[in-house]
All heavy atoms as atom14 arrays in JSON, in Angstrom:
{
  "sequence": "VNLEDNSIFSSPWYYVKPNDIILVSRDYAKADKEQKRA",
  "atom14_mask": [
    [1, 1, 1, 1, 1, 1, 1, 0, 0, 0, 0, 0, 0, 0],
    [1, 1, 1, 1, 1, 1, 1, 1, 0, 0, 0, 0, 0, 0],
    [1, 1, 1, 1, 1, 1, 1, 1, 0, 0, 0, 0, 0, 0],
    [1, 1, 1, 1, 1, 1, 1, 1, 1, 0, 0, 0, 0, 0],
    [1, 1, 1, 1, 1, 1, 1, 1, 0, 0, 0, 0, 0, 0],
    [1, 1, 1, 1, 1, 1, 1, 1, 0, 0, 0, 0, 0, 0],
    [1, 1, 1, 1, 1, 1, 0, 0, 0, 0, 0, 0, 0, 0],
    [1, 1, 1, 1, 1, 1, 1, 1, 0, 0, 0, 0, 0, 0],
    [1, 1, 1, 1, 1, 1, 1, 1, 1, 1, 1, 0, 0, 0],
    [1, 1, 1, 1, 1, 1, 0, 0, 0, 0, 0, 0, 0, 0],
    [1, 1, 1, 1, 1, 1, 0, 0, 0, 0, 0, 0, 0, 0],
    [1, 1, 1, 1, 1, 1, 1, 0, 0, 0, 0, 0, 0, 0],
    [1, 1, 1, 1, 1, 1, 1, 1, 1, 1, 1, 1, 1, 1],
    [1, 1, 1, 1, 1, 1, 1, 1, 1, 1, 1, 1, 0, 0],
    [1, 1, 1, 1, 1, 1, 1, 1, 1, 1, 1, 1, 0, 0],
    [1, 1, 1, 1, 1, 1, 1, 0, 0, 0, 0, 0, 0, 0],
    [1, 1, 1, 1, 1, 1, 1, 1, 1, 0, 0, 0, 0, 0],
    [1, 1, 1, 1, 1, 1, 1, 0, 0, 0, 0, 0, 0, 0],
    [1, 1, 1, 1, 1, 1, 1, 1, 0, 0, 0, 0, 0, 0],
    [1, 1, 1, 1, 1, 1, 1, 1, 0, 0, 0, 0, 0, 0],
    [1, 1, 1, 1, 1, 1, 1, 1, 0, 0, 0, 0, 0, 0],
    [1, 1, 1, 1, 1, 1, 1, 1, 0, 0, 0, 0, 0, 0],
    [1, 1, 1, 1, 1, 1, 1, 1, 0, 0, 0, 0, 0, 0],
    [1, 1, 1, 1, 1, 1, 1, 0, 0, 0, 0, 0, 0, 0],
    [1, 1, 1, 1, 1, 1, 0, 0, 0, 0, 0, 0, 0, 0],
    [1, 1, 1, 1, 1, 1, 1, 1, 1, 1, 1, 0, 0, 0],
    [1, 1, 1, 1, 1, 1, 1, 1, 0, 0, 0, 0, 0, 0],
    [1, 1, 1, 1, 1, 1, 1, 1, 1, 1, 1, 1, 0, 0],
    [1, 1, 1, 1, 1, 0, 0, 0, 0, 0, 0, 0, 0, 0],
    [1, 1, 1, 1, 1, 1, 1, 1, 1, 0, 0, 0, 0, 0],
    [1, 1, 1, 1, 1, 0, 0, 0, 0, 0, 0, 0, 0, 0],
    [1, 1, 1, 1, 1, 1, 1, 1, 0, 0, 0, 0, 0, 0],
    [1, 1, 1, 1, 1, 1, 1, 1, 1, 0, 0, 0, 0, 0],
    [1, 1, 1, 1, 1, 1, 1, 1, 1, 0, 0, 0, 0, 0],
    [1, 1, 1, 1, 1, 1, 1, 1, 1, 0, 0, 0, 0, 0],
    [1, 1, 1, 1, 1, 1, 1, 1, 1, 0, 0, 0, 0, 0],
    [1, 1, 1, 1, 1, 1, 1, 1, 1, 1, 1, 0, 0, 0],
    [1, 1, 1, 1, 1, 0, 0, 0, 0, 0, 0, 0, 0, 0]
  ],
  "atom14_positions": [
    [[0.86, -1.19, -0.02], [-0.01, -0.03, 0.01], [0.88, 1.24, -0.01], [2.01, 1.27, 0.5], [-0.94, 0.04, 1.21], [-1.9, -1.17, 1.18], [-0.22, 0.04, 2.52], [0.0, 0.0, 0.0], [0.0, 0.0, 0.0], [0.0, 0.0, 0.0], [0.0, 0.0, 0.0], [0.0, 0.0, 0.0], [0.0, 0.0, 0.0], [0.0, 0.0, 0.0]],
    [[0.3, 2.34, -0.57], [1.03, 3.59, -0.68], [0.39, 4.63, 0.21], [-0.69, 5.1, -0.01], [0.96, 4.05, -2.15], [1.7, 5.3, -2.45], [2.34, 5.89, -1.49], [1.7, 5.79, -3.64], [0.0, 0.0, 0.0], [0.0, 0.0, 0.0], [0.0, 0.0, 0.0], [0.0, 0.0, 0.0], [0.0, 0.0, 0.0], [0.0, 0.0, 0.0]],
    [[1.14, 4.99, 1.25], [0.59, 5.98, 2.2], [0.81, 7.41, 1.73], [0.42, 8.33, 2.37], [1.26, 5.78, 3.55], [0.87, 4.55, 4.32], [1.5, 4.47, 5.71], [-0.7, 4.4, 4.43], [0.0, 0.0, 0.0], [0.0, 0.0, 0.0], [0.0, 0.0, 0.0], [0.0, 0.0, 0.0], [0.0, 0.0, 0.0], [0.0, 0.0, 0.0]],
    [[1.43, 7.6, 0.59], [1.57, 8.93, 0.01], [0.35, 9.33, -0.89], [0.2, 10.4, -1.27], [2.85, 9.05, -0.82], [4.11, 8.92, -0.02], [5.37, 9.15, -0.87], [5.21, 9.3, -2.09], [6.47, 9.1, -0.31], [0.0, 0.0, 0.0], [0.0, 0.0, 0.0], [0.0, 0.0, 0.0], [0.0, 0.0, 0.0], [0.0, 0.0, 0.0]],
    [[-0.46, 8.3, -1.13], [-1.61, 8.47, -1.98], [-2.89, 8.35, -1.15], [-3.08, 7.39, -0.44], [-1.63, 7.39, -3.08], [-2.61, 7.64, -4.2], [-3.67, 8.22, -3.93], [-2.31, 7.28, -5.33], [0.0, 0.0, 0.0], [0.0, 0.0, 0.0], [0.0, 0.0, 0.0], [0.0, 0.0, 0.0], [0.0, 0.0, 0.0], [0.0, 0.0, 0.0]],
    [[-3.77, 9.36, -1.23], [-4.96, 9.36, -0.44], [-5.99, 8.29, -0.84], [-6.97, 8.07, -0.16], [-5.62, 10.72, -0.51], [-6.11, 11.12, -1.91], [-5.38, 11.62, -2.69], [-7.4, 10.83, -2.23], [0.0, 0.0, 0.0], [0.0, 0.0, 0.0], [0.0, 0.0, 0.0], [0.0, 0.0, 0.0], [0.0, 0.0, 0.0], [0.0, 0.0, 0.0]],
    [[-5.71, 7.54, -1.88], [-6.62, 6.46, -2.29], [-6.57, 5.38, -1.25], [-7.47, 4.47, -1.26], [-6.19, 5.89, -3.65], [-4.85, 5.29, -3.58], [0.0, 0.0, 0.0], [0.0, 0.0, 0.0], [0.0, 0.0, 0.0], [0.0, 0.0, 0.0], [0.0, 0.0, 0.0], [0.0, 0.0, 0.0], [0.0, 0.0, 0.0], [0.0, 0.0, 0.0]],
    [[-5.61, 5.4, -0.3], [-5.58, 4.39, 0.75], [-6.85, 4.42, 1.57], [-7.28, 3.39, 2.11], [-4.36, 4.62, 1.7], [-4.27, 3.53, 2.79], [-4.41, 6.0, 2.31], [-4.08, 2.17, 2.32], [0.0, 0.0, 0.0], [0.0, 0.0, 0.0], [0.0, 0.0, 0.0], [0.0, 0.0, 0.0], [0.0, 0.0, 0.0], [0.0, 0.0, 0.0]],
    [[-7.51, 5.6, 1.66], [-8.72, 5.7, 2.45], [-9.93, 4.84, 1.93], [-10.77, 4.51, 2.63], [-9.17, 7.17, 2.59], [-8.27, 8.01, 3.41], [-7.55, 9.07, 2.83], [-8.08, 7.75, 4.75], [-6.76, 9.86, 3.65], [-7.28, 8.5, 5.56], [-6.55, 9.58, 4.95], [0.0, 0.0, 0.0], [0.0, 0.0, 0.0], [0.0, 0.0, 0.0]],
    [[-9.85, 4.54, 0.61], [-10.91, 3.78, 0.0], [-10.44, 2.28, -0.22], [-11.16, 1.61, -0.93], [-11.32, 4.41, -1.36], [-10.22, 4.52, -2.25], [0.0, 0.0, 0.0], [0.0, 0.0, 0.0], [0.0, 0.0, 0.0], [0.0, 0.0, 0.0], [0.0, 0.0, 0.0], [0.0, 0.0, 0.0], [0.0, 0.0, 0.0], [0.0, 0.0, 0.0]],
    [[-9.34, 1.95, 0.33], [-8.77, 0.6, 0.14], [-9.32, -0.32, 1.25], [-9.32, 0.09, 2.45], [-7.27, 0.62, 0.11], [-6.74, -0.7, 0.23], [0.0, 0.0, 0.0], [0.0, 0.0, 0.0], [0.0, 0.0, 0.0], [0.0, 0.0, 0.0], [0.0, 0.0, 0.0], [0.0, 0.0, 0.0], [0.0, 0.0, 0.0], [0.0, 0.0, 0.0]],
    [[-9.68, -1.53, 0.97], [-10.07, -2.49, 1.99], [-8.88, -2.83, 2.95], [-9.1, -3.45, 3.99], [-10.57, -3.7, 1.24], [-9.92, -3.63, -0.07], [-9.79, -2.14, -0.39], [0.0, 0.0, 0.0], [0.0, 0.0, 0.0], [0.0, 0.0, 0.0], [0.0, 0.0, 0.0], [0.0, 0.0, 0.0], [0.0, 0.0, 0.0], [0.0, 0.0, 0.0]],
    [[-7.73, -2.4, 2.55], [-6.53, -2.65, 3.39], [-6.2, -1.53, 4.31], [-5.18, -1.54, 5.06], [-5.32, -3.0, 2.54], [-5.43, -4.26, 1.74], [-6.14, -4.53, 0.61], [-4.95, -5.59, 2.14], [-6.07, -5.77, 0.21], [-5.35, -6.46, 1.17], [-4.18, -6.0, 3.2], [-5.0, -7.83, 1.2], [-3.8, -7.35, 3.25], [-4.2, -8.23, 2.27]],
    [[-7.04, -0.47, 4.3], [-6.84, 0.66, 5.22], [-6.99, 0.22, 6.64], [-6.25, 0.72, 7.51], [-7.81, 1.77, 4.89], [-7.74, 2.93, 5.84], [-6.6, 3.81, 5.82], [-8.75, 3.21, 6.79], [-6.54, 4.87, 6.72], [-8.64, 4.28, 7.63], [-7.59, 5.11, 7.59], [-7.43, 6.15, 8.49], [0.0, 0.0, 0.0], [0.0, 0.0, 0.0]],
    [[-7.84, -0.72, 6.92], [-7.96, -1.28, 8.28], [-7.29, -2.61, 8.33], [-7.5, -3.49, 7.49], [-9.45, -1.46, 8.63], [-10.18, -0.2, 8.97], [-11.03, 0.41, 8.01], [-9.99, 0.43, 10.17], [-11.66, 1.6, 8.3], [-10.64, 1.65, 10.53], [-11.43, 2.23, 9.55], [-12.09, 3.38, 9.83], [0.0, 0.0, 0.0], [0.0, 0.0, 0.0]],
    [[-6.39, -2.72, 9.27], [-5.66, -3.96, 9.44], [-6.45, -4.85, 10.42], [-7.21, -4.35, 11.27], [-4.22, -3.78, 9.96], [-3.41, -3.14, 8.91], [-4.22, -2.94, 11.27], [0.0, 0.0, 0.0], [0.0, 0.0, 0.0], [0.0, 0.0, 0.0], [0.0, 0.0, 0.0], [0.0, 0.0, 0.0], [0.0, 0.0, 0.0], [0.0, 0.0, 0.0]],
    [[-6.28, -6.15, 10.3], [-7.08, -7.09, 11.09], [-6.26, -8.04, 11.91], [-5.0, -8.01, 11.76], [-7.95, -7.87, 10.07], [-8.94, -7.07, 9.3], [-9.76, -7.86, 8.37], [-10.77, -6.92, 7.61], [-11.62, -7.73, 6.67], [0.0, 0.0, 0.0], [0.0, 0.0, 0.0], [0.0, 0.0, 0.0], [0.0, 0.0, 0.0], [0.0, 0.0, 0.0]],
    [[-6.84, -8.78, 12.85], [-6.07, -9.65, 13.67], [-5.11, -10.57, 12.94], [-5.44, -11.12, 11.83], [-7.1, -10.5, 14.41], [-8.31, -9.59, 14.43], [-8.27, -8.87, 13.13], [0.0, 0.0, 0.0], [0.0, 0.0, 0.0], [0.0, 0.0, 0.0], [0.0, 0.0, 0.0], [0.0, 0.0, 0.0], [0.0, 0.0, 0.0], [0.0, 0.0, 0.0]],
    [[-3.86, -10.66, 13.46], [-2.76, -11.49, 12.9], [-2.11, -10.88, 11.64], [-1.23, -11.54, 11.12], [-3.27, -12.96, 12.63], [-3.78, -13.67, 13.87], [-3.18, -13.49, 14.92], [-4.88, -14.32, 13.7], [0.0, 0.0, 0.0], [0.0, 0.0, 0.0], [0.0, 0.0, 0.0], [0.0, 0.0, 0.0], [0.0, 0.0, 0.0], [0.0, 0.0, 0.0]],
    [[-2.55, -9.7, 11.33], [-1.81, -9.02, 10.19], [-0.39, -8.7, 10.61], [-0.1, -8.39, 11.8], [-2.53, -7.68, 9.81], [-3.69, -7.9, 8.88], [-3.95, -9.09, 8.55], [-4.33, -6.94, 8.51], [0.0, 0.0, 0.0], [0.0, 0.0, 0.0], [0.0, 0.0, 0.0], [0.0, 0.0, 0.0], [0.0, 0.0, 0.0], [0.0, 0.0, 0.0]],
    [[0.51, -8.73, 9.65], [1.91, -8.31, 9.86], [2.13, -7.07, 8.97], [1.87, -7.09, 7.76], [2.88, -9.41, 9.44], [2.69, -10.63, 10.39], [4.34, -8.9, 9.6], [3.48, -11.82, 9.96], [0.0, 0.0, 0.0], [0.0, 0.0, 0.0], [0.0, 0.0, 0.0], [0.0, 0.0, 0.0], [0.0, 0.0, 0.0], [0.0, 0.0, 0.0]],
    [[2.58, -6.0, 9.57], [2.85, -4.76, 8.88], [4.35, -4.54, 8.83], [5.05, -4.57, 9.84], [2.2, -3.52, 9.6], [0.74, -3.71, 9.72], [2.54, -2.26, 8.79], [0.07, -2.68, 10.59], [0.0, 0.0, 0.0], [0.0, 0.0, 0.0], [0.0, 0.0, 0.0], [0.0, 0.0, 0.0], [0.0, 0.0, 0.0], [0.0, 0.0, 0.0]],
    [[4.89, -4.47, 7.63], [6.35, -4.33, 7.4], [6.62, -3.03, 6.75], [6.2, -2.77, 5.62], [6.94, -5.55, 6.58], [8.42, -5.46, 6.23], [9.24, -5.42, 7.48], [8.79, -6.63, 5.33], [0.0, 0.0, 0.0], [0.0, 0.0, 0.0], [0.0, 0.0, 0.0], [0.0, 0.0, 0.0], [0.0, 0.0, 0.0], [0.0, 0.0, 0.0]],
    [[7.36, -2.2, 7.42], [7.76, -0.87, 6.84], [9.25, -1.0, 6.4], [10.13, -1.17, 7.27], [7.66, 0.24, 7.88], [8.02, 1.56, 7.26], [6.21, 0.3, 8.42], [0.0, 0.0, 0.0], [0.0, 0.0, 0.0], [0.0, 0.0, 0.0], [0.0, 0.0, 0.0], [0.0, 0.0, 0.0], [0.0, 0.0, 0.0], [0.0, 0.0, 0.0]],
    [[9.45, -0.94, 5.09], [10.83, -1.13, 4.54], [11.72, 0.1, 4.74], [11.19, 1.27, 4.84], [10.71, -1.5, 3.08], [9.98, -2.69, 2.9], [0.0, 0.0, 0.0], [0.0, 0.0, 0.0], [0.0, 0.0, 0.0], [0.0, 0.0, 0.0], [0.0, 0.0, 0.0], [0.0, 0.0, 0.0], [0.0, 0.0, 0.0], [0.0, 0.0, 0.0]],
    [[12.96, -0.14, 4.69], [13.95, 0.96, 4.84], [14.44, 1.42, 3.49], [14.7, 0.62, 2.62], [15.15, 0.39, 5.71], [16.25, 1.48, 5.93], [17.38, 0.8, 6.7], [18.47, 1.7, 6.96], [18.55, 2.55, 8.01], [17.58, 2.58, 8.89], [19.61, 3.36, 8.22], [0.0, 0.0, 0.0], [0.0, 0.0, 0.0], [0.0, 0.0, 0.0]],
    [[14.52, 2.74, 3.35], [15.06, 3.35, 2.1], [16.58, 3.37, 2.26], [17.15, 4.34, 2.81], [14.52, 4.73, 1.89], [14.94, 5.29, 0.53], [15.9, 4.81, -0.05], [14.21, 6.19, 0.04], [0.0, 0.0, 0.0], [0.0, 0.0, 0.0], [0.0, 0.0, 0.0], [0.0, 0.0, 0.0], [0.0, 0.0, 0.0], [0.0, 0.0, 0.0]],
    [[17.26, 2.25, 1.82], [18.71, 2.19, 2.09], [19.49, 3.25, 1.36], [20.53, 3.76, 1.84], [19.19, 0.77, 1.66], [18.75, -0.31, 2.66], [17.6, -1.09, 2.38], [19.46, -0.53, 3.84], [17.21, -2.05, 3.29], [19.05, -1.49, 4.76], [17.92, -2.23, 4.48], [17.49, -3.18, 5.33], [0.0, 0.0, 0.0], [0.0, 0.0, 0.0]],
    [[19.06, 3.64, 0.14], [19.79, 4.64, -0.59], [19.71, 5.96, 0.12], [20.75, 6.71, 0.25], [19.16, 4.78, -2.03], [0.0, 0.0, 0.0], [0.0, 0.0, 0.0], [0.0, 0.0, 0.0], [0.0, 0.0, 0.0], [0.0, 0.0, 0.0], [0.0, 0.0, 0.0], [0.0, 0.0, 0.0], [0.0, 0.0, 0.0], [0.0, 0.0, 0.0]],
    [[18.56, 6.32, 0.62], [18.43, 7.59, 1.38], [19.2, 7.54, 2.66], [19.93, 8.5, 3.03], [16.93, 7.85, 1.66], [16.68, 9.1, 2.44], [15.2, 9.32, 2.76], [14.92, 10.45, 3.59], [13.49, 10.65, 3.93], [0.0, 0.0, 0.0], [0.0, 0.0, 0.0], [0.0, 0.0, 0.0], [0.0, 0.0, 0.0], [0.0, 0.0, 0.0]],
    [[19.13, 6.41, 3.37], [19.85, 6.31, 4.66], [21.32, 6.37, 4.44], [22.1, 7.01, 5.16], [19.46, 4.99, 5.32], [0.0, 0.0, 0.0], [0.0, 0.0, 0.0], [0.0, 0.0, 0.0], [0.0, 0.0, 0.0], [0.0, 0.0, 0.0], [0.0, 0.0, 0.0], [0.0, 0.0, 0.0], [0.0, 0.0, 0.0], [0.0, 0.0, 0.0]],
    [[21.85, 5.75, 3.32], [23.26, 5.72, 3.0], [23.74, 7.14, 2.63], [24.83, 7.57, 3.07], [23.55, 4.78, 1.85], [25.02, 4.6, 1.55], [25.77, 4.25, 2.47], [25.41, 4.95, 0.45], [0.0, 0.0, 0.0], [0.0, 0.0, 0.0], [0.0, 0.0, 0.0], [0.0, 0.0, 0.0], [0.0, 0.0, 0.0], [0.0, 0.0, 0.0]],
    [[22.88, 7.86, 1.89], [23.24, 9.25, 1.47], [23.31, 10.13, 2.71], [24.21, 10.93, 2.87], [22.17, 9.78, 0.53], [22.51, 11.14, -0.01], [21.47, 11.56, -1.03], [21.77, 12.92, -1.62], [20.78, 13.37, -2.6], [0.0, 0.0, 0.0], [0.0, 0.0, 0.0], [0.0, 0.0, 0.0], [0.0, 0.0, 0.0], [0.0, 0.0, 0.0]],
    [[22.35, 10.0, 3.64], [22.39, 10.82, 4.89], [23.61, 10.46, 5.73], [24.2, 11.34, 6.33], [21.11, 10.59, 5.67], [19.84, 11.16, 5.0], [19.94, 12.68, 4.96], [20.35, 13.32, 5.93], [19.59, 13.27, 3.87], [0.0, 0.0, 0.0], [0.0, 0.0, 0.0], [0.0, 0.0, 0.0], [0.0, 0.0, 0.0], [0.0, 0.0, 0.0]],
    [[23.92, 9.19, 5.81], [25.09, 8.73, 6.57], [26.35, 9.33, 6.0], [27.21, 9.81, 6.76], [25.14, 7.26, 6.69], [26.23, 6.71, 7.58], [26.21, 5.23, 7.68], [25.67, 4.53, 6.83], [26.84, 4.66, 8.68], [0.0, 0.0, 0.0], [0.0, 0.0, 0.0], [0.0, 0.0, 0.0], [0.0, 0.0, 0.0], [0.0, 0.0, 0.0]],
    [[26.53, 9.29, 4.67], [27.71, 9.87, 4.02], [27.8, 11.31, 4.22], [28.88, 11.9, 4.43], [27.71, 9.49, 2.54], [27.99, 7.99, 2.25], [27.96, 7.74, 0.76], [28.28, 6.26, 0.49], [28.22, 5.98, -1.01], [0.0, 0.0, 0.0], [0.0, 0.0, 0.0], [0.0, 0.0, 0.0], [0.0, 0.0, 0.0], [0.0, 0.0, 0.0]],
    [[26.65, 12.02, 4.14], [26.62, 13.46, 4.3], [27.06, 13.84, 5.73], [27.86, 14.76, 5.92], [25.23, 14.0, 4.05], [25.15, 15.52, 4.04], [23.75, 15.98, 3.66], [22.77, 15.68, 4.59], [22.44, 16.47, 5.65], [23.08, 17.6, 5.85], [21.55, 16.06, 6.48], [0.0, 0.0, 0.0], [0.0, 0.0, 0.0], [0.0, 0.0, 0.0]],
    [[26.52, 13.09, 6.72], [26.88, 13.35, 8.06], [28.38, 13.09, 8.37], [29.07, 13.83, 9.04], [26.03, 12.46, 9.02], [0.0, 0.0, 0.0], [0.0, 0.0, 0.0], [0.0, 0.0, 0.0], [0.0, 0.0, 0.0], [0.0, 0.0, 0.0], [0.0, 0.0, 0.0], [0.0, 0.0, 0.0], [0.0, 0.0, 0.0], [0.0, 0.0, 0.0]]
  ]
}
C-alpha cells in the first residue's frame, strides 16, 4: 500500500485485522546518503 496516496482511504486494506503483519521497509539509498553526508 502507498501511504503517500490518499486512495488508501478507499482501500479495504486501510483497516488492518487480527494476525496481520505490517512491514515498513527501509530506504537504504536515502539512509546511506544521509550517513555519508553526516
